[in-house]
């Protein structure tokens, strides 16, 4: 039986990634040790892991995570207030598949899409 999934995304700089997720998005560091080149963060039931990839070219990075939320409008307003990197097509909108969604890009160009059902 599967019990959970924790995506692993590339990062160029651990301190920048850690600061973004903790200071801007409200995650906490859940690593039991400070492993060089690896980071684990959590917020509510969401856990994301990061591995160091110093040579990563953000323009060639297509890492993506879809995060379900129950507070899409609040989350979107927070992204606006913090002036997070919202791609041109990433602003809050209701999709044909009945999800209200918006997206942000983290410092390494990993796309985080937040979604909430409209039904």
PDB file of N, CA and C in Angstrom:
ATOM      1  N   UNK A   1       0.839  -1.175   0.000  1.00  0.00           N
ATOM      2  CA  UNK A   1       0.000   0.000   0.000  1.00  0.00           C
ATOM      3  C   UNK A   1       0.887   1.243   0.000  1.00  0.00           C
ATOM      4  N   UNK A   2       0.624   2.179  -0.911  1.00  0.00           N
ATOM      5  CA  UNK A   2       1.323   3.458  -0.919  1.00  0.00           C
ATOM      6  C   UNK A   2       0.775   4.325   0.212  1.00  0.00           C
ATOM      7  N   UNK A   3       1.636   5.092   0.857  1.00  0.00           N
ATOM      8  CA  UNK A   3       1.167   5.913   1.975  1.00  0.00           C
ATOM      9  C   UNK A   3       1.405   7.407   1.788  1.00  0.00           C
ATOM     10  N   UNK A   4       2.363   7.800   0.977  1.00  0.00           N
ATOM     11  CA  UNK A   4       2.646   9.227   0.782  1.00  0.00           C
ATOM     12  C   UNK A   4       3.577   9.386  -0.414  1.00  0.00           C
ATOM     13  N   UNK A   5       3.657  10.620  -0.891  1.00  0.00           N
ATOM     14  CA  UNK A   5       4.623  10.946  -1.937  1.00  0.00           C
ATOM     15  C   UNK A   5       5.306  12.253  -1.561  1.00  0.00           C
ATOM     16  N   UNK A   6       6.615  12.288  -1.742  1.00  0.00           N
ATOM     17  CA  UNK A   6       7.403  13.473  -1.421  1.00  0.00           C
ATOM     18  C   UNK A   6       8.286  13.780  -2.628  1.00  0.00           C
ATOM     19  N   UNK A   7       7.872  14.740  -3.441  1.00  0.00           N
ATOM     20  CA  UNK A   7       8.673  15.043  -4.632  1.00  0.00           C
ATOM     21  C   UNK A   7      10.060  15.545  -4.261  1.00  0.00           C
ATOM     22  N   UNK A   8      11.019  15.250  -5.137  1.00  0.00           N
ATOM     23  CA  UNK A   8      12.396  15.730  -4.995  1.00  0.00           C
ATOM     24  C   UNK A   8      12.674  16.652  -6.166  1.00  0.00           C
ATOM     25  N   UNK A   9      13.039  17.890  -5.845  1.00  0.00           N
ATOM     26  CA  UNK A   9      13.305  18.895  -6.865  1.00  0.00           C
ATOM     27  C   UNK A   9      14.757  19.347  -6.798  1.00  0.00           C
ATOM     28  N   UNK A  10      15.313  19.780  -7.922  1.00  0.00           N
ATOM     29  CA  UNK A  10      16.688  20.272  -7.908  1.00  0.00           C
ATOM     30  C   UNK A  10      16.785  21.677  -7.319  1.00  0.00           C
ATOM     31  N   UNK A  11      17.926  21.946  -6.698  1.00  0.00           N
ATOM     32  CA  UNK A  11      18.212  23.289  -6.171  1.00  0.00           C
ATOM     33  C   UNK A  11      19.681  23.586  -6.439  1.00  0.00           C
ATOM     34  N   UNK A  12      19.972  24.845  -6.710  1.00  0.00           N
ATOM     35  CA  UNK A  12      21.365  25.244  -6.912  1.00  0.00           C
ATOM     36  C   UNK A  12      22.028  25.631  -5.611  1.00  0.00           C
ATOM     37  N   UNK A  13      21.279  26.234  -4.702  1.00  0.00           N
ATOM     38  CA  UNK A  13      21.853  26.779  -3.470  1.00  0.00           C
ATOM     39  C   UNK A  13      20.908  26.471  -2.312  1.00  0.00           C
ATOM     40  N   UNK A  14      21.368  25.661  -1.388  1.00  0.00           N
ATOM     41  CA  UNK A  14      20.522  25.216  -0.279  1.00  0.00           C
ATOM     42  C   UNK A  14      20.027  26.374   0.576  1.00  0.00           C
ATOM     43  N   UNK A  15      20.868  27.329   0.893  1.00  0.00           N
ATOM     44  CA  UNK A  15      20.437  28.423   1.776  1.00  0.00           C
ATOM     45  C   UNK A  15      19.377  29.298   1.101  1.00  0.00           C
ATOM     46  N   UNK A  16      19.499  29.535  -0.199  1.00  0.00           N
ATOM     47  CA  UNK A  16      18.491  30.324  -0.920  1.00  0.00           C
ATOM     48  C   UNK A  16      17.166  29.569  -0.973  1.00  0.00           C
ATOM     49  N   UNK A  17      17.227  28.273  -1.273  1.00  0.00           N
ATOM     50  CA  UNK A  17      16.017  27.454  -1.333  1.00  0.00           C
ATOM     51  C   UNK A  17      15.355  27.383   0.036  1.00  0.00           C
ATOM     52  N   UNK A  18      16.142  27.142   1.050  1.00  0.00           N
ATOM     53  CA  UNK A  18      15.612  27.049   2.412  1.00  0.00           C
ATOM     54  C   UNK A  18      14.943  28.364   2.824  1.00  0.00           C
ATOM     55  N   UNK A  19      15.581  29.468   2.552  1.00  0.00           N
ATOM     56  CA  UNK A  19      15.015  30.771   2.892  1.00  0.00           C
ATOM     57  C   UNK A  19      13.691  31.008   2.165  1.00  0.00           C
ATOM     58  N   UNK A  20      13.626  30.666   0.886  1.00  0.00           N
ATOM     59  CA  UNK A  20      12.408  30.863   0.104  1.00  0.00           C
ATOM     60  C   UNK A  20      11.238  30.084   0.705  1.00  0.00           C
ATOM     61  N   UNK A  21      11.441  28.803   0.973  1.00  0.00           N
ATOM     62  CA  UNK A  21      10.351  27.969   1.463  1.00  0.00           C
ATOM     63  C   UNK A  21       9.973  28.281   2.908  1.00  0.00           C
ATOM     64  N   UNK A  22      10.941  28.608   3.740  1.00  0.00           N
ATOM     65  CA  UNK A  22      10.648  28.882   5.146  1.00  0.00           C
ATOM     66  C   UNK A  22      10.163  30.321   5.339  1.00  0.00           C
ATOM     67  N   UNK A  23      10.902  31.286   4.830  1.00  0.00           N
ATOM     68  CA  UNK A  23      10.558  32.693   5.059  1.00  0.00           C
ATOM     69  C   UNK A  23       9.368  33.170   4.242  1.00  0.00           C
ATOM     70  N   UNK A  24       9.239  32.692   3.023  1.00  0.00           N
ATOM     71  CA  UNK A  24       8.181  33.191   2.143  1.00  0.00           C
ATOM     72  C   UNK A  24       6.924  32.318   2.165  1.00  0.00           C
ATOM     73  N   UNK A  25       7.104  30.990   2.169  1.00  0.00           N
ATOM     74  CA  UNK A  25       5.948  30.104   2.051  1.00  0.00           C
ATOM     75  C   UNK A  25       5.510  29.477   3.371  1.00  0.00           C
ATOM     76  N   UNK A  26       6.280  29.673   4.446  1.00  0.00           N
ATOM     77  CA  UNK A  26       5.865  29.179   5.754  1.00  0.00           C
ATOM     78  C   UNK A  26       6.110  27.709   6.014  1.00  0.00           C
ATOM     79  N   UNK A  27       6.995  27.087   5.256  1.00  0.00           N
ATOM     80  CA  UNK A  27       7.378  25.697   5.512  1.00  0.00           C
ATOM     81  C   UNK A  27       8.327  25.657   6.710  1.00  0.00           C
ATOM     82  N   UNK A  28       8.560  24.462   7.241  1.00  0.00           N
ATOM     83  CA  UNK A  28       9.563  24.258   8.283  1.00  0.00           C
ATOM     84  C   UNK A  28      10.583  23.244   7.782  1.00  0.00           C
ATOM     85  N   UNK A  29      11.794  23.350   8.276  1.00  0.00           N
ATOM     86  CA  UNK A  29      12.860  22.404   7.950  1.00  0.00           C
ATOM     87  C   UNK A  29      12.630  21.157   8.787  1.00  0.00           C
ATOM     88  N   UNK A  30      12.506  20.002   8.140  1.00  0.00           N
ATOM     89  CA  UNK A  30      12.254  18.768   8.884  1.00  0.00           C
ATOM     90  C   UNK A  30      13.411  17.784   8.819  1.00  0.00           C
ATOM     91  N   UNK A  31      14.547  18.222   8.317  1.00  0.00           N
ATOM     92  CA  UNK A  31      15.702  17.340   8.282  1.00  0.00           C
ATOM     93  C   UNK A  31      16.183  17.031   9.692  1.00  0.00           C
ATOM     94  N   UNK A  32      16.440  15.745   9.981  1.00  0.00           N
ATOM     95  CA  UNK A  32      16.925  15.387  11.319  1.00  0.00           C
ATOM     96  C   UNK A  32      18.396  15.744  11.489  1.00  0.00           C
ATOM     97  N   UNK A  33      19.057  15.939  10.374  1.00  0.00           N
ATOM     98  CA  UNK A  33      20.440  16.417  10.351  1.00  0.00           C
ATOM     99  C   UNK A  33      20.578  17.378   9.191  1.00  0.00           C
ATOM    100  N   UNK A  34      21.590  18.203   9.238  1.00  0.00           N
ATOM    101  CA  UNK A  34      21.826  19.141   8.145  1.00  0.00           C
ATOM    102  C   UNK A  34      22.745  18.478   7.133  1.00  0.00           C
ATOM    103  N   UNK A  35      22.164  17.640   6.269  1.00  0.00           N
ATOM    104  CA  UNK A  35      22.945  16.939   5.267  1.00  0.00           C
ATOM    105  C   UNK A  35      23.380  17.904   4.181  1.00  0.00           C
ATOM    106  N   UNK A  36      24.634  17.843   3.837  1.00  0.00           N
ATOM    107  CA  UNK A  36      25.175  18.687   2.788  1.00  0.00           C
ATOM    108  C   UNK A  36      24.489  18.352   1.469  1.00  0.00           C
ATOM    109  N   UNK A  37      23.927  19.370   0.810  1.00  0.00           N
ATOM    110  CA  UNK A  37      23.343  19.167  -0.511  1.00  0.00           C
ATOM    111  C   UNK A  37      21.954  18.568  -0.515  1.00  0.00           C
ATOM    112  N   UNK A  38      21.284  18.503   0.633  1.00  0.00           N
ATOM    113  CA  UNK A  38      19.939  17.933   0.676  1.00  0.00           C
ATOM    114  C   UNK A  38      19.096  18.736   1.657  1.00  0.00           C
ATOM    115  N   UNK A  39      17.835  18.940   1.321  1.00  0.00           N
ATOM    116  CA  UNK A  39      16.929  19.730   2.154  1.00  0.00           C
ATOM    117  C   UNK A  39      15.551  19.081   2.135  1.00  0.00           C
ATOM    118  N   UNK A  40      14.904  19.046   3.305  1.00  0.00           N
ATOM    119  CA  UNK A  40      13.536  18.551   3.418  1.00  0.00           C
ATOM    120  C   UNK A  40      12.714  19.597   4.160  1.00  0.00           C
ATOM    121  N   UNK A  41      11.591  20.005   3.549  1.00  0.00           N
ATOM    122  CA  UNK A  41      10.713  20.997   4.174  1.00  0.00           C
ATOM    123  C   UNK A  41       9.291  20.457   4.201  1.00  0.00           C
ATOM    124  N   UNK A  42       8.506  20.995   5.146  1.00  0.00           N
ATOM    125  CA  UNK A  42       7.129  20.550   5.292  1.00  0.00           C
ATOM    126  C   UNK A  42       6.237  21.713   5.693  1.00  0.00           C
ATOM    127  N   UNK A  43       5.018  21.684   5.175  1.00  0.00           N
ATOM    128  CA  UNK A  43       3.960  22.610   5.599  1.00  0.00           C
ATOM    129  C   UNK A  43       2.661  21.821   5.565  1.00  0.00           C
ATOM    130  N   UNK A  44       1.969  21.794   6.689  1.00  0.00           N
ATOM    131  CA  UNK A  44       0.755  20.993   6.809  1.00  0.00           C
ATOM    132  C   UNK A  44       1.074  19.561   6.380  1.00  0.00           C
ATOM    133  N   UNK A  45       0.378  19.021   5.386  1.00  0.00           N
ATOM    134  CA  UNK A  45       0.628  17.644   4.940  1.00  0.00           C
ATOM    135  C   UNK A  45       1.529  17.562   3.716  1.00  0.00           C
ATOM    136  N   UNK A  46       2.139  18.680   3.343  1.00  0.00           N
ATOM    137  CA  UNK A  46       2.994  18.729   2.154  1.00  0.00           C
ATOM    138  C   UNK A  46       4.457  18.631   2.572  1.00  0.00           C
ATOM    139  N   UNK A  47       5.169  17.713   1.971  1.00  0.00           N
ATOM    140  CA  UNK A  47       6.606  17.572   2.211  1.00  0.00           C
ATOM    141  C   UNK A  47       7.315  17.579   0.864  1.00  0.00           C
ATOM    142  N   UNK A  48       8.324  18.432   0.742  1.00  0.00           N
ATOM    143  CA  UNK A  48       9.107  18.515  -0.488  1.00  0.00           C
ATOM    144  C   UNK A  48      10.570  18.338  -0.131  1.00  0.00           C
ATOM    145  N   UNK A  49      11.277  17.538  -0.918  1.00  0.00           N
ATOM    146  CA  UNK A  49      12.709  17.326  -0.739  1.00  0.00           C
ATOM    147  C   UNK A  49      13.448  18.003  -1.894  1.00  0.00           C
ATOM    148  N   UNK A  50      14.675  18.419  -1.627  1.00  0.00           N
ATOM    149  CA  UNK A  50      15.510  19.076  -2.637  1.00  0.00           C
ATOM    150  C   UNK A  50      16.890  18.453  -2.638  1.00  0.00           C
ATOM    151  N   UNK A  51      17.438  18.276  -3.815  1.00  0.00           N
ATOM    152  CA  UNK A  51      18.804  17.786  -3.952  1.00  0.00           C
ATOM    153  C   UNK A  51      19.637  18.852  -4.653  1.00  0.00           C
ATOM    154  N   UNK A  52      20.880  18.948  -4.237  1.00  0.00           N
ATOM    155  CA  UNK A  52      21.757  19.971  -4.805  1.00  0.00           C
ATOM    156  C   UNK A  52      22.155  19.622  -6.232  1.00  0.00           C
ATOM    157  N   UNK A  53      22.029  20.601  -7.111  1.00  0.00           N
ATOM    158  CA  UNK A  53      22.421  20.481  -8.515  1.00  0.00           C
ATOM    159  C   UNK A  53      22.990  21.845  -8.899  1.00  0.00           C
ATOM    160  N   UNK A  54      24.241  22.071  -8.521  1.00  0.00           N
ATOM    161  CA  UNK A  54      24.862  23.386  -8.693  1.00  0.00           C
ATOM    162  C   UNK A  54      24.926  23.838 -10.146  1.00  0.00           C
ATOM    163  N   UNK A  55      25.009  22.889 -11.071  1.00  0.00           N
ATOM    164  CA  UNK A  55      25.126  23.225 -12.488  1.00  0.00           C
ATOM    165  C   UNK A  55      23.765  23.438 -13.154  1.00  0.00           C
ATOM    166  N   UNK A  56      22.698  23.382 -12.389  1.00  0.00           N
ATOM    167  CA  UNK A  56      21.355  23.530 -12.940  1.00  0.00           C
ATOM    168  C   UNK A  56      21.209  24.871 -13.653  1.00  0.00           C
ATOM    169  N   UNK A  57      20.705  24.819 -14.856  1.00  0.00           N
ATOM    170  CA  UNK A  57      20.363  26.029 -15.599  1.00  0.00           C
ATOM    171  C   UNK A  57      18.863  26.241 -15.417  1.00  0.00           C
ATOM    172  N   UNK A  58      18.449  27.258 -14.652  1.00  0.00           N
ATOM    173  CA  UNK A  58      17.016  27.443 -14.402  1.00  0.00           C
ATOM    174  C   UNK A  58      16.163  27.517 -15.664  1.00  0.00           C
ATOM    175  N   UNK A  59      16.720  28.021 -16.750  1.00  0.00           N
ATOM    176  CA  UNK A  59      15.963  28.127 -17.996  1.00  0.00           C
ATOM    177  C   UNK A  59      15.698  26.751 -18.614  1.00  0.00           C
ATOM    178  N   UNK A  60      16.423  25.731 -18.146  1.00  0.00           N
ATOM    179  CA  UNK A  60      16.241  24.372 -18.652  1.00  0.00           C
ATOM    180  C   UNK A  60      15.612  23.450 -17.602  1.00  0.00           C
ATOM    181  N   UNK A  61      15.131  24.016 -16.512  1.00  0.00           N
ATOM    182  CA  UNK A  61      14.544  23.220 -15.435  1.00  0.00           C
ATOM    183  C   UNK A  61      13.030  23.177 -15.597  1.00  0.00           C
ATOM    184  N   UNK A  62      12.497  21.970 -15.616  1.00  0.00           N
ATOM    185  CA  UNK A  62      11.056  21.791 -15.784  1.00  0.00           C
ATOM    186  C   UNK A  62      10.430  21.061 -14.603  1.00  0.00           C
ATOM    187  N   UNK A  63      11.070  21.148 -13.410  1.00  0.00           N
ATOM    188  CA  UNK A  63      10.508  20.533 -12.213  1.00  0.00           C
ATOM    189  C   UNK A  63       9.169  21.161 -11.883  1.00  0.00           C
ATOM    190  N   UNK A  64       8.201  20.317 -11.530  1.00  0.00           N
ATOM    191  CA  UNK A  64       6.861  20.808 -11.221  1.00  0.00           C
ATOM    192  C   UNK A  64       6.249  20.006 -10.077  1.00  0.00           C
ATOM    193  N   UNK A  65       5.462  20.698  -9.264  1.00  0.00           N
ATOM    194  CA  UNK A  65       4.708  20.065  -8.187  1.00  0.00           C
ATOM    195  C   UNK A  65       3.310  20.683  -8.178  1.00  0.00           C
ATOM    196  N   UNK A  66       2.301  19.848  -7.997  1.00  0.00           N
ATOM    197  CA  UNK A  66       0.921  20.320  -7.878  1.00  0.00           C
ATOM    198  C   UNK A  66       0.512  20.154  -6.422  1.00  0.00           C
ATOM    199  N   UNK A  67       0.101  21.249  -5.792  1.00  0.00           N
ATOM    200  CA  UNK A  67      -0.240  21.248  -4.370  1.00  0.00           C
ATOM    201  C   UNK A  67      -1.719  21.585  -4.218  1.00  0.00           C
ATOM    202  N   UNK A  68      -2.463  20.688  -3.620  1.00  0.00           N
ATOM    203  CA  UNK A  68      -3.872  20.953  -3.336  1.00  0.00           C
ATOM    204  C   UNK A  68      -3.970  21.822  -2.084  1.00  0.00           C
ATOM    205  N   UNK A  69      -4.917  22.756  -2.107  1.00  0.00           N
ATOM    206  CA  UNK A  69      -5.113  23.662  -0.979  1.00  0.00           C
ATOM    207  C   UNK A  69      -6.607  23.851  -0.721  1.00  0.00           C
ATOM    208  N   UNK A  70      -6.920  24.299   0.468  1.00  0.00           N
ATOM    209  CA  UNK A  70      -8.313  24.616   0.790  1.00  0.00           C
ATOM    210  C   UNK A  70      -8.505  26.121   0.966  1.00  0.00           C
ATOM    211  N   UNK A  71      -7.437  26.897   0.698  1.00  0.00           N
ATOM    212  CA  UNK A  71      -7.473  28.360   0.867  1.00  0.00           C
ATOM    213  C   UNK A  71      -6.870  29.070  -0.342  1.00  0.00           C
ATOM    214  N   UNK A  72      -7.314  28.736  -1.527  1.00  0.00           N
ATOM    215  CA  UNK A  72      -6.659  29.224  -2.742  1.00  0.00           C
ATOM    216  C   UNK A  72      -6.597  30.742  -2.830  1.00  0.00           C
ATOM    217  N   UNK A  73      -7.659  31.433  -2.465  1.00  0.00           N
ATOM    218  CA  UNK A  73      -7.652  32.900  -2.561  1.00  0.00           C
ATOM    219  C   UNK A  73      -6.651  33.510  -1.581  1.00  0.00           C
ATOM    220  N   UNK A  74      -6.600  32.976  -0.363  1.00  0.00           N
ATOM    221  CA  UNK A  74      -5.651  33.458   0.647  1.00  0.00           C
ATOM    222  C   UNK A  74      -4.222  33.187   0.181  1.00  0.00           C
ATOM    223  N   UNK A  75      -3.980  31.983  -0.329  1.00  0.00           N
ATOM    224  CA  UNK A  75      -2.640  31.626  -0.803  1.00  0.00           C
ATOM    225  C   UNK A  75      -2.216  32.522  -1.970  1.00  0.00           C
ATOM    226  N   UNK A  76      -3.143  32.784  -2.880  1.00  0.00           N
ATOM    227  CA  UNK A  76      -2.837  33.634  -4.027  1.00  0.00           C
ATOM    228  C   UNK A  76      -2.537  35.064  -3.577  1.00  0.00           C
ATOM    229  N   UNK A  77      -3.338  35.592  -2.663  1.00  0.00           N
ATOM    230  CA  UNK A  77      -3.100  36.953  -2.165  1.00  0.00           C
ATOM    231  C   UNK A  77      -1.742  37.048  -1.477  1.00  0.00           C
ATOM    232  N   UNK A  78      -1.364  36.015  -0.737  1.00  0.00           N
ATOM    233  CA  UNK A  78      -0.047  35.988  -0.097  1.00  0.00           C
ATOM    234  C   UNK A  78       1.057  36.030  -1.154  1.00  0.00           C
ATOM    235  N   UNK A  79       0.887  35.262  -2.219  1.00  0.00           N
ATOM    236  CA  UNK A  79       1.878  35.274  -3.305  1.00  0.00           C
ATOM    237  C   UNK A  79       1.995  36.663  -3.915  1.00  0.00           C
ATOM    238  N   UNK A  80       0.865  37.333  -4.100  1.00  0.00           N
ATOM    239  CA  UNK A  80       0.888  38.702  -4.627  1.00  0.00           C
ATOM    240  C   UNK A  80       1.562  39.653  -3.643  1.00  0.00           C
ATOM    241  N   UNK A  81       1.187  39.567  -2.365  1.00  0.00           N
ATOM    242  CA  UNK A  81       1.744  40.455  -1.340  1.00  0.00           C
ATOM    243  C   UNK A  81       3.256  40.301  -1.222  1.00  0.00           C
ATOM    244  N   UNK A  82       3.734  39.055  -1.364  1.00  0.00           N
ATOM    245  CA  UNK A  82       5.171  38.786  -1.246  1.00  0.00           C
ATOM    246  C   UNK A  82       5.920  39.022  -2.559  1.00  0.00           C
ATOM    247  N   UNK A  83       5.156  39.391  -3.593  1.00  0.00           N
ATOM    248  CA  UNK A  83       5.736  39.630  -4.922  1.00  0.00           C
ATOM    249  C   UNK A  83       6.525  38.402  -5.413  1.00  0.00           C
ATOM    250  N   UNK A  84       5.919  37.231  -5.216  1.00  0.00           N
ATOM    251  CA  UNK A  84       6.542  36.001  -5.696  1.00  0.00           C
ATOM    252  C   UNK A  84       6.479  35.963  -7.217  1.00  0.00           C
ATOM    253  N   UNK A  85       7.317  35.151  -7.800  1.00  0.00           N
ATOM    254  CA  UNK A  85       7.427  35.062  -9.249  1.00  0.00           C
ATOM    255  C   UNK A  85       6.250  34.254  -9.806  1.00  0.00           C
ATOM    256  N   UNK A  86       5.217  34.955 -10.251  1.00  0.00           N
ATOM    257  CA  UNK A  86       4.048  34.327 -10.863  1.00  0.00           C
ATOM    258  C   UNK A  86       4.230  34.405 -12.377  1.00  0.00           C
ATOM    259  N   UNK A  87       4.310  33.251 -13.050  1.00  0.00           N
ATOM    260  CA  UNK A  87       4.468  33.293 -14.510  1.00  0.00           C
ATOM    261  C   UNK A  87       3.273  33.971 -15.177  1.00  0.00           C
ATOM    262  N   UNK A  88       3.472  34.420 -16.385  1.00  0.00           N
ATOM    263  CA  UNK A  88       2.443  35.152 -17.113  1.00  0.00           C
ATOM    264  C   UNK A  88       1.101  34.412 -17.125  1.00  0.00           C
ATOM    265  N   UNK A  89       1.125  33.110 -17.330  1.00  0.00           N
ATOM    266  CA  UNK A  89      -0.111  32.327 -17.376  1.00  0.00           C
ATOM    267  C   UNK A  89      -0.443  31.696 -16.028  1.00  0.00           C
ATOM    268  N   UNK A  90       0.234  32.127 -14.966  1.00  0.00           N
ATOM    269  CA  UNK A  90       0.065  31.493 -13.664  1.00  0.00           C
ATOM    270  C   UNK A  90      -0.862  32.193 -12.700  1.00  0.00           C
ATOM    271  N   UNK A  91      -1.508  33.266 -13.129  1.00  0.00           N
ATOM    272  CA  UNK A  91      -2.394  33.982 -12.208  1.00  0.00           C
ATOM    273  C   UNK A  91      -3.670  33.174 -11.934  1.00  0.00           C
ATOM    274  N   UNK A  92      -4.300  33.462 -10.827  1.00  0.00           N
ATOM    275  CA  UNK A  92      -5.465  32.714 -10.366  1.00  0.00           C
ATOM    276  C   UNK A  92      -6.558  32.702 -11.426  1.00  0.00           C
ATOM    277  N   UNK A  93      -7.010  31.493 -11.727  1.00  0.00           N
ATOM    278  CA  UNK A  93      -8.094  31.327 -12.688  1.00  0.00           C
ATOM    279  C   UNK A  93      -8.760  29.972 -12.488  1.00  0.00           C
ATOM    280  N   UNK A  94      -9.996  29.874 -12.922  1.00  0.00           N
ATOM    281  CA  UNK A  94     -10.698  28.601 -12.867  1.00  0.00           C
ATOM    282  C   UNK A  94     -10.468  27.885 -14.194  1.00  0.00           C
ATOM    283  N   UNK A  95      -9.990  26.658 -14.089  1.00  0.00           N
ATOM    284  CA  UNK A  95      -9.646  25.858 -15.264  1.00  0.00           C
ATOM    285  C   UNK A  95     -10.855  25.041 -15.725  1.00  0.00           C
ATOM    286  N   UNK A  96     -10.863  24.586 -16.988  1.00  0.00           N
ATOM    287  CA  UNK A  96     -11.979  23.771 -17.499  1.00  0.00           C
ATOM    288  C   UNK A  96     -12.187  22.479 -16.708  1.00  0.00           C
ATOM    289  N   UNK A  97     -11.154  22.009 -16.025  1.00  0.00           N
ATOM    290  CA  UNK A  97     -11.261  20.770 -15.247  1.00  0.00           C
ATOM    291  C   UNK A  97     -11.752  21.035 -13.817  1.00  0.00           C
ATOM    292  N   UNK A  98     -12.369  22.220 -13.618  1.00  0.00           N
ATOM    293  CA  UNK A  98     -13.036  22.605 -12.373  1.00  0.00           C
ATOM    294  C   UNK A  98     -12.087  22.733 -11.186  1.00  0.00           C
ATOM    295  N   UNK A  99     -10.900  23.226 -11.465  1.00  0.00           N
ATOM    296  CA  UNK A  99      -9.932  23.553 -10.424  1.00  0.00           C
ATOM    297  C   UNK A  99      -9.626  25.037 -10.518  1.00  0.00           C
ATOM    298  N   UNK A 100      -9.611  25.704  -9.392  1.00  0.00           N
ATOM    299  CA  UNK A 100      -9.133  27.079  -9.325  1.00  0.00           C
ATOM    300  C   UNK A 100      -7.642  26.951  -9.046  1.00  0.00           C
ATOM    301  N   UNK A 101      -6.796  27.584  -9.879  1.00  0.00           N
ATOM    302  CA  UNK A 101      -5.351  27.374  -9.787  1.00  0.00           C
ATOM    303  C   UNK A 101      -4.562  28.667  -9.975  1.00  0.00           C
ATOM    304  N   UNK A 102      -3.348  28.664  -9.392  1.00  0.00           N
ATOM    305  CA  UNK A 102      -2.329  29.659  -9.706  1.00  0.00           C
ATOM    306  C   UNK A 102      -0.983  28.980  -9.532  1.00  0.00           C
ATOM    307  N   UNK A 103       0.041  29.584 -10.111  1.00  0.00           N
ATOM    308  CA  UNK A 103       1.383  28.999 -10.055  1.00  0.00           C
ATOM    309  C   UNK A 103       2.420  30.044  -9.688  1.00  0.00           C
ATOM    310  N   UNK A 104       3.493  29.569  -9.069  1.00  0.00           N
ATOM    311  CA  UNK A 104       4.658  30.411  -8.806  1.00  0.00           C
ATOM    312  C   UNK A 104       5.896  29.628  -9.213  1.00  0.00           C
ATOM    313  N   UNK A 105       6.973  30.354  -9.439  1.00  0.00           N
ATOM    314  CA  UNK A 105       8.269  29.739  -9.713  1.00  0.00           C
ATOM    315  C   UNK A 105       9.178  29.978  -8.519  1.00  0.00           C
ATOM    316  N   UNK A 106       9.874  28.935  -8.084  1.00  0.00           N
ATOM    317  CA  UNK A 106      10.835  29.118  -6.997  1.00  0.00           C
ATOM    318  C   UNK A 106      12.151  29.633  -7.580  1.00  0.00           C
ATOM    319  N   UNK A 107      13.154  29.916  -6.756  1.00  0.00           N
ATOM    320  CA  UNK A 107      14.408  30.499  -7.270  1.00  0.00           C
ATOM    321  C   UNK A 107      15.129  29.655  -8.331  1.00  0.00           C
ATOM    322  N   UNK A 108      14.819  28.360  -8.411  1.00  0.00           N
ATOM    323  CA  UNK A 108      15.467  27.497  -9.403  1.00  0.00           C
ATOM    324  C   UNK A 108      14.551  27.162 -10.578  1.00  0.00           C
ATOM    325  N   UNK A 109      13.440  27.885 -10.685  1.00  0.00           N
ATOM    326  CA  UNK A 109      12.493  27.737 -11.787  1.00  0.00           C
ATOM    327  C   UNK A 109      11.640  26.475 -11.674  1.00  0.00           C
ATOM    328  N   UNK A 110      11.575  25.859 -10.487  1.00  0.00           N
ATOM    329  CA  UNK A 110      10.626  24.773 -10.273  1.00  0.00           C
ATOM    330  C   UNK A 110       9.246  25.409 -10.170  1.00  0.00           C
ATOM    331  N   UNK A 111       8.276  24.853 -10.890  1.00  0.00           N
ATOM    332  CA  UNK A 111       6.925  25.394 -10.918  1.00  0.00           C
ATOM    333  C   UNK A 111       6.088  24.759  -9.808  1.00  0.00           C
ATOM    334  N   UNK A 112       5.521  25.599  -8.957  1.00  0.00           N
ATOM    335  CA  UNK A 112       4.605  25.136  -7.917  1.00  0.00           C
ATOM    336  C   UNK A 112       3.214  25.611  -8.299  1.00  0.00           C
ATOM    337  N   UNK A 113       2.326  24.675  -8.609  1.00  0.00           N
ATOM    338  CA  UNK A 113       0.951  25.021  -8.949  1.00  0.00           C
ATOM    339  C   UNK A 113       0.071  24.656  -7.765  1.00  0.00           C
ATOM    340  N   UNK A 114      -0.751  25.608  -7.348  1.00  0.00           N
ATOM    341  CA  UNK A 114      -1.667  25.427  -6.238  1.00  0.00           C
ATOM    342  C   UNK A 114      -3.066  25.295  -6.808  1.00  0.00           C
ATOM    343  N   UNK A 115      -3.826  24.322  -6.343  1.00  0.00           N
ATOM    344  CA  UNK A 115      -5.159  24.111  -6.874  1.00  0.00           C
ATOM    345  C   UNK A 115      -6.186  23.760  -5.821  1.00  0.00           C
ATOM    346  N   UNK A 116      -7.415  24.200  -6.084  1.00  0.00           N
ATOM    347  CA  UNK A 116      -8.550  23.902  -5.207  1.00  0.00           C
ATOM    348  C   UNK A 116      -9.752  23.585  -6.082  1.00  0.00           C
ATOM    349  N   UNK A 117     -10.466  22.525  -5.750  1.00  0.00           N
ATOM    350  CA  UNK A 117     -11.651  22.137  -6.505  1.00  0.00           C
ATOM    351  C   UNK A 117     -12.726  23.209  -6.374  1.00  0.00           C
ATOM    352  N   UNK A 118     -13.461  23.418  -7.467  1.00  0.00           N
ATOM    353  CA  UNK A 118     -14.566  24.367  -7.447  1.00  0.00           C
ATOM    354  C   UNK A 118     -15.897  23.651  -7.238  1.00  0.00           C
ATOM    355  N   UNK A 119     -15.852  22.338  -7.113  1.00  0.00           N
ATOM    356  CA  UNK A 119     -17.107  21.589  -6.886  1.00  0.00           C
ATOM    357  C   UNK A 119     -17.138  20.980  -5.506  1.00  0.00           C
TER     358      UNK A 119
END
